[in-house]
Protein backbone atom coordinates (compact mmCIF):
# COMPACT_ATOMS: atom_id res chain seq x y z
CA MET A 1 104.48 94.24 92.69
CA ASN A 2 108.19 92.92 93.61
CA ILE A 3 108.59 89.79 95.69
CA LEU A 4 111.01 89.72 98.44
CA TYR A 5 111.67 85.76 99.59
CA LEU A 6 113.49 86.22 103.06
CA HIS A 7 114.10 83.02 104.60
CA CYS A 8 116.44 80.94 107.26
CA HIS A 9 117.26 77.66 108.38
CA ASP A 10 116.04 76.04 111.65
CA ALA A 11 113.90 79.13 113.70
CA GLY A 12 110.74 77.79 114.33
CA ARG A 13 108.95 80.36 115.99
CA TYR A 14 112.10 81.56 118.20
CA ILE A 15 111.73 84.98 117.22
CA GLN A 16 110.84 88.10 118.87
CA PRO A 17 107.16 88.46 117.20
CA SER A 18 106.50 85.21 118.50
CA GLY A 19 107.22 86.42 121.95
CA HIS A 20 110.60 84.38 122.32
CA GLY A 21 113.10 86.46 124.56
CA VAL A 22 115.26 87.23 122.32
CA ALA A 23 115.72 90.44 120.57
CA THR A 24 114.92 90.58 116.85
CA PRO A 25 114.33 94.02 116.14
CA ASN A 26 113.85 93.91 112.21
CA LEU A 27 111.80 90.92 112.15
CA GLN A 28 109.72 92.50 114.77
CA LYS A 29 109.13 95.92 113.03
CA LEU A 30 108.00 93.29 109.75
CA ALA A 31 105.53 92.18 111.91
CA GLU A 32 103.92 95.50 113.48
CA THR A 33 103.71 96.49 109.51
CA GLY A 34 103.05 94.08 107.93
CA VAL A 35 100.82 90.19 109.17
CA LEU A 36 101.73 88.16 111.05
CA PHE A 37 100.33 84.77 111.17
CA ARG A 38 100.61 82.93 114.56
CA ASN A 39 99.96 79.35 113.29
CA ALA A 40 102.01 78.83 110.21
CA PHE A 41 102.90 75.68 109.54
CA ASN A 42 105.75 73.58 106.79
CA VAL A 43 105.14 71.01 104.96
CA GLY A 44 108.13 69.05 105.78
CA PRO A 45 110.44 69.76 109.39
CA THR A 46 113.27 68.85 107.12
CA CYS A 47 115.19 71.62 104.98
CA SER A 48 115.03 70.88 101.29
CA PRO A 49 111.07 69.22 101.60
CA SER A 50 110.17 72.63 103.30
CA ARG A 51 111.63 74.90 100.79
CA ALA A 52 111.00 72.62 97.84
CA SER A 53 106.94 73.20 99.02
CA LEU A 54 107.08 76.34 99.79
CA VAL A 55 108.34 77.69 96.35
CA THR A 56 106.29 74.94 94.26
CA GLY A 57 103.37 74.89 96.24
CA GLN A 58 103.18 70.97 96.12
CA TYR A 59 103.87 68.51 98.80
CA PRO A 60 107.16 66.20 98.92
CA HIS A 61 105.85 63.44 97.74
CA VAL A 62 104.49 65.00 94.96
CA ASN A 63 107.36 67.01 93.62
CA GLY A 64 109.73 64.67 94.59
CA MET A 65 111.92 66.79 96.98
CA LEU A 66 111.86 63.60 99.70
CA GLY A 67 115.48 64.69 101.20
CA LEU A 68 118.20 66.67 101.42
CA ALA A 69 119.55 68.17 97.80
CA HIS A 70 122.88 67.77 99.28
CA ARG A 71 122.54 64.19 99.62
CA GLY A 72 121.19 63.82 95.91
CA TYR A 73 117.52 64.67 96.23
CA GLY A 74 115.85 66.90 93.61
CA LEU A 75 112.64 68.34 92.48
CA ASN A 76 110.71 66.42 89.54
CA ASN A 77 110.04 69.49 87.53
CA TYR A 78 112.19 72.33 88.47
CA GLY A 79 110.46 74.43 85.40
CA ASP A 80 107.32 74.10 88.70
CA HIS A 81 109.26 76.40 90.56
CA ILE A 82 107.37 79.94 91.14
CA ILE A 83 109.80 81.99 89.18
CA HIS A 84 109.24 80.39 86.21
CA GLN A 85 105.97 81.29 86.46
CA LEU A 86 106.83 84.41 87.06
CA HIS A 87 109.27 85.16 84.33
CA GLU A 88 106.47 84.34 81.77
CA GLN A 89 104.90 87.59 83.62
CA GLY A 90 107.96 89.98 83.10
CA TYR A 91 109.62 89.00 86.42
CA THR A 92 113.45 88.77 86.33
CA SER A 93 114.36 86.70 89.24
CA ALA A 94 117.46 86.61 91.59
CA LEU A 95 119.21 84.25 94.14
CA SER A 96 121.79 85.53 97.17
CA GLY A 97 122.49 83.18 99.77
CA THR A 98 120.65 79.97 100.84
CA GLN A 99 117.97 77.48 98.36
CA HIS A 100 118.80 74.11 99.32
CA ILE A 101 116.96 72.69 96.84
CA ALA A 102 119.25 71.75 93.75
CA ASP A 103 122.80 70.40 94.37
CA ASN A 104 123.44 72.62 91.45
CA THR A 105 122.13 76.24 91.27
CA ASP A 106 122.03 76.04 87.89
CA ASP A 107 119.18 73.77 88.17
CA ILE A 108 116.86 76.19 89.52
CA GLY A 109 116.72 78.46 86.79
CA TYR A 110 117.23 82.22 88.53
CA GLN A 111 118.23 84.81 86.32
CA HIS A 112 120.91 85.72 88.64
CA VAL A 113 122.82 84.29 91.51
CA LEU A 114 124.34 87.07 93.52
CA MET A 115 126.01 84.71 95.69
CA GLU A 116 126.06 81.02 97.25
CA SER A 117 125.47 80.54 100.80
CA ALA A 118 128.03 77.61 100.26
CA LYS A 119 131.23 79.38 98.33
CA PRO A 120 133.55 81.26 99.28
CA LYS A 121 134.78 77.68 100.84
CA ASP A 122 137.37 80.38 102.90
CA MET A 123 134.69 81.87 104.31
CA SER A 124 132.99 81.76 107.65
CA TYR A 125 129.58 81.08 108.16
CA ALA A 126 129.42 84.50 109.43
CA GLU A 127 131.12 86.11 106.34
CA ARG A 128 128.97 84.46 104.19
CA ASP A 129 125.68 85.38 106.04
CA LEU A 130 126.90 88.89 105.94
CA THR A 131 127.75 88.88 101.73
CA VAL A 132 124.84 87.35 101.12
CA ALA A 133 122.73 90.24 102.64
CA GLN A 134 125.50 92.91 101.09
CA ARG A 135 124.80 91.74 97.85
CA ALA A 136 120.96 91.60 97.78
CA ALA A 137 121.28 95.14 99.10
CA ASP A 138 123.48 96.33 96.36
CA TRP A 139 121.14 94.32 94.06
CA ILE A 140 118.00 96.02 95.37
CA LEU A 141 120.07 99.73 94.92
CA ALA A 142 121.41 99.57 91.47
CA GLY A 143 117.83 99.74 90.88
CA GLN A 144 115.81 97.31 88.55
CA LYS A 145 114.31 98.14 85.43
CA LYS A 146 111.52 94.99 85.51
CA PRO A 147 109.69 93.80 88.76
CA PHE A 148 111.41 90.99 90.47
CA PHE A 149 111.47 87.94 93.14
CA LEU A 150 114.36 87.95 94.73
CA SER A 151 115.49 85.04 96.95
CA VAL A 152 117.74 85.50 99.91
CA GLY A 153 118.48 82.73 102.39
CA PHE A 154 120.70 82.88 105.21
CA PHE A 155 122.32 80.00 107.08
CA TYR A 156 121.91 81.01 110.77
CA PRO A 157 120.81 80.11 113.30
CA HIS A 158 121.70 76.69 111.85
CA ARG A 159 123.91 74.20 113.25
CA PRO A 160 126.93 75.02 114.02
CA PHE A 161 125.93 78.37 116.00
CA LEU A 162 127.53 81.52 116.05
CA GLU A 163 130.90 81.85 118.15
CA THR A 164 131.95 84.67 120.06
CA GLU A 165 133.92 86.08 122.52
CA GLU A 166 131.25 88.85 122.85
CA SER A 167 127.84 88.95 124.70
CA THR A 168 125.47 92.03 123.49
CA GLY A 169 122.67 91.28 126.50
CA PRO A 170 121.26 88.45 128.77
CA ASP A 171 119.60 86.39 126.15
CA GLU A 172 123.10 85.21 124.87
CA ASP A 173 123.84 84.37 128.67
CA PRO A 174 122.87 80.79 129.92
CA ARG A 175 122.76 82.35 133.65
CA PHE A 176 119.30 83.33 132.17
CA VAL A 177 117.60 82.36 128.60
CA LYS A 178 114.28 80.33 128.88
CA VAL A 179 115.14 76.53 127.13
CA PRO A 180 112.15 75.40 125.00
CA PRO A 181 109.72 72.89 126.75
CA THR A 182 110.83 70.10 125.35
CA LEU A 183 113.82 69.77 127.24
CA PRO A 184 115.01 69.89 131.23
CA ASP A 185 116.41 73.56 132.61
CA THR A 186 120.20 71.99 133.05
CA GLU A 187 123.39 74.36 132.21
CA GLN A 188 123.81 71.82 128.65
CA THR A 189 120.40 73.26 127.46
CA ARG A 190 120.63 76.63 128.51
CA GLN A 191 124.17 77.16 126.71
CA ASP A 192 122.74 75.80 123.61
CA MET A 193 119.72 78.01 124.18
CA ALA A 194 122.17 80.68 124.09
CA ASP A 195 124.39 80.34 121.80
CA TYR A 196 121.03 80.07 119.58
CA ASN A 197 120.05 83.23 120.37
CA ARG A 198 123.10 84.76 119.43
CA SER A 199 123.07 82.86 115.93
CA VAL A 200 119.12 84.35 115.18
CA LYS A 201 120.23 88.24 116.05
CA TYR A 202 122.57 87.72 113.86
CA MET A 203 120.31 86.45 111.27
CA ASP A 204 118.11 89.24 112.09
CA LYS A 205 120.93 92.07 111.41
CA CYS A 206 121.37 90.40 107.89
CA CYS A 207 117.77 90.89 107.42
CA GLY A 208 117.60 94.40 108.75
CA MET A 209 120.31 95.05 105.98
CA VAL A 210 117.51 94.06 103.08
CA LEU A 211 114.88 95.12 104.14
CA ASP A 212 116.58 98.93 104.58
CA ALA A 213 118.10 98.58 101.06
CA LEU A 214 113.90 98.36 100.07
CA ASP A 215 113.77 101.61 102.30
CA GLN A 216 116.84 103.27 100.21
CA ALA A 217 115.44 102.42 97.09
CA GLY A 218 111.89 103.21 97.35
CA LEU A 219 110.68 100.26 96.86
CA THR A 220 108.69 98.99 100.28
CA ASP A 221 105.78 100.15 99.58
CA ASP A 222 105.50 98.39 95.56
CA THR A 223 107.47 94.70 97.41
CA LEU A 224 106.07 91.77 99.31
CA ILE A 225 107.75 90.87 101.52
CA ILE A 226 107.44 87.08 102.49
CA ALA A 227 109.48 86.59 106.00
CA THR A 228 109.99 82.78 107.25
CA THR A 229 112.08 79.92 107.89
CA ASP A 230 112.09 76.34 106.21
CA HIS A 231 111.26 74.68 110.16
CA GLY A 232 111.91 74.24 113.84
CA ILE A 233 114.65 75.00 115.53
CA ALA A 234 117.73 72.43 115.68
CA PHE A 235 116.89 70.85 119.20
CA PRO A 236 115.82 67.77 120.14
CA LYS A 237 112.14 66.43 119.42
CA MET A 238 111.65 69.58 117.09
CA LYS A 239 113.51 69.92 114.18
CA CYS A 240 112.76 66.70 112.22
CA THR A 241 109.81 66.12 113.76
CA LEU A 242 105.80 66.04 113.07
CA SER A 243 104.94 67.74 116.38
CA ASP A 244 104.55 71.56 116.19
CA HIS A 245 108.12 72.22 117.24
CA GLY A 246 108.86 70.92 114.22
CA THR A 247 106.53 71.77 111.91
CA GLY A 248 105.71 75.78 113.33
CA VAL A 249 107.46 78.25 111.07
CA TYR A 250 107.45 82.21 111.57
CA LEU A 251 105.56 84.00 109.28
CA MET A 252 105.56 87.18 107.96
CA ILE A 253 104.41 89.14 105.08
CA LYS A 254 104.12 92.50 104.22
CA GLY A 255 102.91 94.19 100.94
CA PRO A 256 100.54 95.29 99.01
CA ARG A 257 96.72 94.49 99.03
CA GLY A 258 96.02 94.17 103.18
CA PHE A 259 99.33 93.15 104.03
CA GLU A 260 100.07 95.79 106.35
CA GLY A 261 98.84 97.65 109.57
CA GLY A 262 100.29 95.03 113.04
CA ARG A 263 97.50 92.39 112.20
CA CYS A 264 97.57 88.89 113.44
CA VAL A 265 96.22 86.11 112.01
CA ASP A 266 95.22 83.49 114.23
CA ALA A 267 93.75 80.87 111.32
CA MET A 268 95.96 77.76 110.65
CA VAL A 269 98.25 78.69 107.69
CA SER A 270 101.10 76.57 105.38
CA HIS A 271 103.66 77.34 103.35
CA LEU A 272 101.66 75.66 100.50
CA ASP A 273 99.22 78.97 100.80
CA ILE A 274 102.41 81.29 99.38
CA TYR A 275 102.26 79.69 95.80
CA PRO A 276 98.90 80.85 95.10
CA THR A 277 98.70 84.03 97.20
CA ILE A 278 101.02 85.18 94.26
CA CYS A 279 98.83 84.01 92.01
CA ASP A 280 95.73 85.72 92.96
CA LEU A 281 97.63 88.79 93.70
CA LEU A 282 99.00 88.95 89.53
CA GLU A 283 95.41 87.50 88.75
CA ILE A 284 97.20 85.19 87.27
CA ASP A 285 96.37 80.65 87.48
CA PRO A 286 99.02 78.97 88.32
CA ASN A 287 100.22 76.57 85.60
CA HIS A 288 100.47 73.33 87.47
CA THR A 289 98.80 71.58 90.34
CA ILE A 290 99.32 73.57 93.42
CA HIS A 291 98.08 71.89 96.83
CA GLY A 292 97.90 75.18 99.07
CA LYS A 293 94.87 77.91 99.51
CA SER A 294 95.29 81.39 98.67
CA LEU A 295 95.74 83.51 102.09
CA MET A 296 93.20 86.30 100.49
CA PRO A 297 90.42 85.27 101.87
CA LEU A 298 92.07 85.55 105.13
CA ILE A 299 93.12 88.79 104.50
CA GLU A 300 90.12 90.75 103.02
CA GLY A 301 87.93 89.57 105.69
CA GLU A 302 86.42 86.76 103.68
CA ALA A 303 86.76 84.25 106.15
CA ASP A 304 88.64 83.54 109.61
CA ARG A 305 89.55 79.64 108.37
CA LEU A 306 91.45 78.37 105.70
CA HIS A 307 92.12 74.79 106.46
CA ASN A 308 89.94 72.54 108.14
CA GLU A 309 93.15 70.28 108.47
CA LEU A 310 96.69 70.24 107.46
CA PHE A 311 99.20 67.48 106.68
CA ASN A 312 102.96 67.26 107.01
CA GLU A 313 105.19 64.66 106.01
CA ILE A 314 108.97 63.08 106.67
CA ASN A 315 110.72 60.87 104.26
CA VAL A 316 114.56 61.20 104.36
CA HIS A 317 116.45 63.08 106.58
CA ALA A 318 120.11 62.01 107.42
CA HIS A 319 118.11 58.58 108.15
CA HIS A 320 115.11 57.05 106.68
CA GLU A 321 112.12 58.21 108.70
CA PRO A 322 108.55 57.77 106.48
CA THR A 323 106.08 59.63 108.69
CA ARG A 324 102.80 61.46 108.48
CA SER A 325 99.94 63.97 110.57
CA VAL A 326 97.05 65.33 110.20
CA ARG A 327 96.28 68.47 112.31
CA THR A 328 92.90 70.30 112.86
CA ASP A 329 92.89 73.10 115.84
CA ARG A 330 91.85 70.34 118.08
CA TYR A 331 93.87 67.44 117.61
CA LYS A 332 96.81 65.94 115.73
CA LEU A 333 97.68 62.06 114.70
CA ILE A 334 101.11 61.20 113.85
CA LYS A 335 101.43 58.04 111.93
CA ARG A 336 105.21 56.20 111.28
CA PHE A 337 105.83 53.56 108.90
CA ASP A 338 108.91 52.69 110.21
CA PRO A 339 108.87 52.93 114.13
CA MET A 340 111.90 51.48 114.64
CA GLN A 341 114.11 54.32 114.13
CA PRO A 342 115.58 55.74 117.62
CA PRO A 343 113.78 59.31 118.94
CA SER A 344 117.66 60.47 118.62
CA VAL A 345 118.13 59.38 114.81
CA ASN A 346 117.60 62.23 113.04
CA CYS A 347 118.77 65.53 115.40
CA ASP A 348 121.12 67.32 114.89
CA ASN A 349 124.21 66.96 117.88
CA GLY A 350 124.93 69.47 120.34
CA HIS A 351 124.82 70.43 123.64
CA SER A 352 120.91 69.89 124.23
CA LYS A 353 120.91 65.92 121.78
CA ALA A 354 123.66 64.93 124.21
CA CYS A 355 121.98 65.93 127.58
CA LEU A 356 118.64 63.59 126.31
CA CYS A 357 121.15 60.55 125.37
CA GLU A 358 123.42 60.68 128.43
CA HIS A 359 119.93 59.41 129.89
CA GLY A 360 118.89 57.19 127.86
CA TRP A 361 117.12 59.14 125.13
CA SER A 362 118.93 57.19 121.70
CA ASP A 363 117.32 53.85 123.67
CA GLN A 364 113.59 54.82 123.84
CA GLN A 365 110.79 53.31 121.26
CA ARG A 366 108.36 55.15 119.67
CA GLU A 367 104.35 54.17 119.67
CA ILE A 368 103.46 53.36 115.86
CA VAL A 369 100.36 56.17 115.89
CA GLU A 370 100.44 59.11 118.29
CA LEU A 371 96.95 60.97 118.94
CA TYR A 372 97.34 64.49 120.85
CA ASP A 373 94.91 66.79 122.28
CA LEU A 374 96.50 70.01 121.16
CA ILE A 375 94.29 72.22 123.33
CA PHE A 376 95.05 70.37 126.73
CA ASP A 377 98.34 69.16 125.49
CA PRO A 378 99.90 71.99 123.53
CA THR A 379 103.05 70.75 124.06
CA GLU A 380 102.42 66.51 122.56
CA ALA A 381 103.76 65.04 125.71
CA HIS A 382 101.23 62.57 126.41
CA ASN A 383 100.03 60.72 123.28
CA LEU A 384 96.34 59.30 124.47
CA LEU A 385 96.16 56.29 122.30
CA ALA A 386 99.40 55.08 125.08
CA LEU A 387 97.53 56.85 127.66
CA HIS A 388 94.03 54.93 127.04
CA SER A 389 95.51 51.86 125.12
CA LEU A 390 93.22 51.88 122.15
CA GLY A 391 92.72 48.50 120.90
CA ASP A 392 95.48 46.92 122.90
CA GLY A 393 92.45 45.52 125.56
CA GLY A 394 93.44 47.92 128.41
CA ALA A 395 91.50 51.14 129.50
CA HIS A 396 88.98 52.67 127.04
CA ASP A 397 87.82 56.20 126.24
CA PRO A 398 84.90 55.70 123.85
CA ASP A 399 85.36 59.44 123.24
CA LEU A 400 88.08 59.11 121.78
CA GLU A 401 87.87 56.11 118.95
CA PRO A 402 85.71 58.26 116.43
CA VAL A 403 88.26 61.01 116.65
CA ARG A 404 91.04 58.43 116.15
CA LYS A 405 89.52 57.19 112.95
CA GLY A 406 87.76 60.12 111.89
CA LEU A 407 91.78 61.24 111.56
CA GLU A 408 92.97 58.31 110.19
CA ASN A 409 90.56 58.53 107.24
CA LYS A 410 90.93 61.96 106.52
CA LEU A 411 95.33 61.04 106.58
CA LYS A 412 94.76 58.11 104.46
CA ASP A 413 91.95 59.99 101.71
CA TRP A 414 94.97 62.60 101.43
CA MET A 415 97.98 60.08 101.24
CA GLN A 416 95.14 58.51 98.21
CA SER A 417 94.25 61.57 96.18
CA THR A 418 97.90 63.00 96.63
CA ASN A 419 99.40 59.53 95.06
CA ASP A 420 101.39 58.94 98.54
CA SER A 421 103.09 55.57 97.99
CA ILE A 422 104.76 55.47 101.86
CA GLY A 423 101.51 53.15 103.08
């Protein structure tokens, strides 16, 4: 069984298979023929920590990837990357494009590096992504004598967004696009979303080149295709936040052993579950401590739930912002260990950020602890603890006290069991 890990920056669930109004036909086809996980989450909504957790099966504070690789952070042990266990099983490994878990790609240990997304410097981001896709496609079509793990990572839809004078549809026209629910509907935010749509469509085009090569080589039926992104889109209150807008990711898997048929899974799953799933399919045990669970009980119909709760974390992006969260099907609790940072501090620059900052966003303060009811408040706009003034002598909702305490205890137990020293 070959493994194709197809990934991009900053797309969240803002693609066609998740219901977003943008044409991503190649990812849509993958969802219609594979398995779409509607409630998939990363482990940390920043680039390097999210990616490192997927390929190691460990939380960032365990594997060492607390911040961005190009800013000096790295894995404690690059031998924990899944490719090394696959090498022991006779696999060959190849990388084309973005990896973003090591400042020096050689540290990771790929046997073949077809293209690095940051090089050559004289290429535009669009030219690099196209070259990344073409080299991956050529490598597949060249024929591989061993089963392979091929990582193909694209820059888009990272900012700065793709610029072009041509529009290929109303999803790139700011007159007609829908902005995320966290933002006001303004000329600025609509333009930002139209530019995002153009960039994600380009990423989808590049994905199609790689998937077409698999078809041409006759390898699709023998390949586990894992398509995902690192975290939410680079808009205010999304990327670099522990709301579902930051931690929610698209995830489609297609391949042998039941990953087929256009199925939709609603159970909560995590990027941490990818590593143990691969081990399960290959009938091998992970060679180090991992924190996820195999997806196979969901796929084989043995369970309708994998996790009772999921944990997420932020440590460093542009600025230090230690934050932890626990999420169940119903509630989410977020706890900040440095609440003095303004909400705009780790938000990428762009039209939407400028719009909010013009209206005082950078001067707002955030609560130390937040509690959300995800059934009645799916956009996480109303902190129940602030609304009911728990612990502040104000109005008291007796039904919230056990919910808050229960989630705080779960968070505390998780931090202790994983030796998380942030608290």
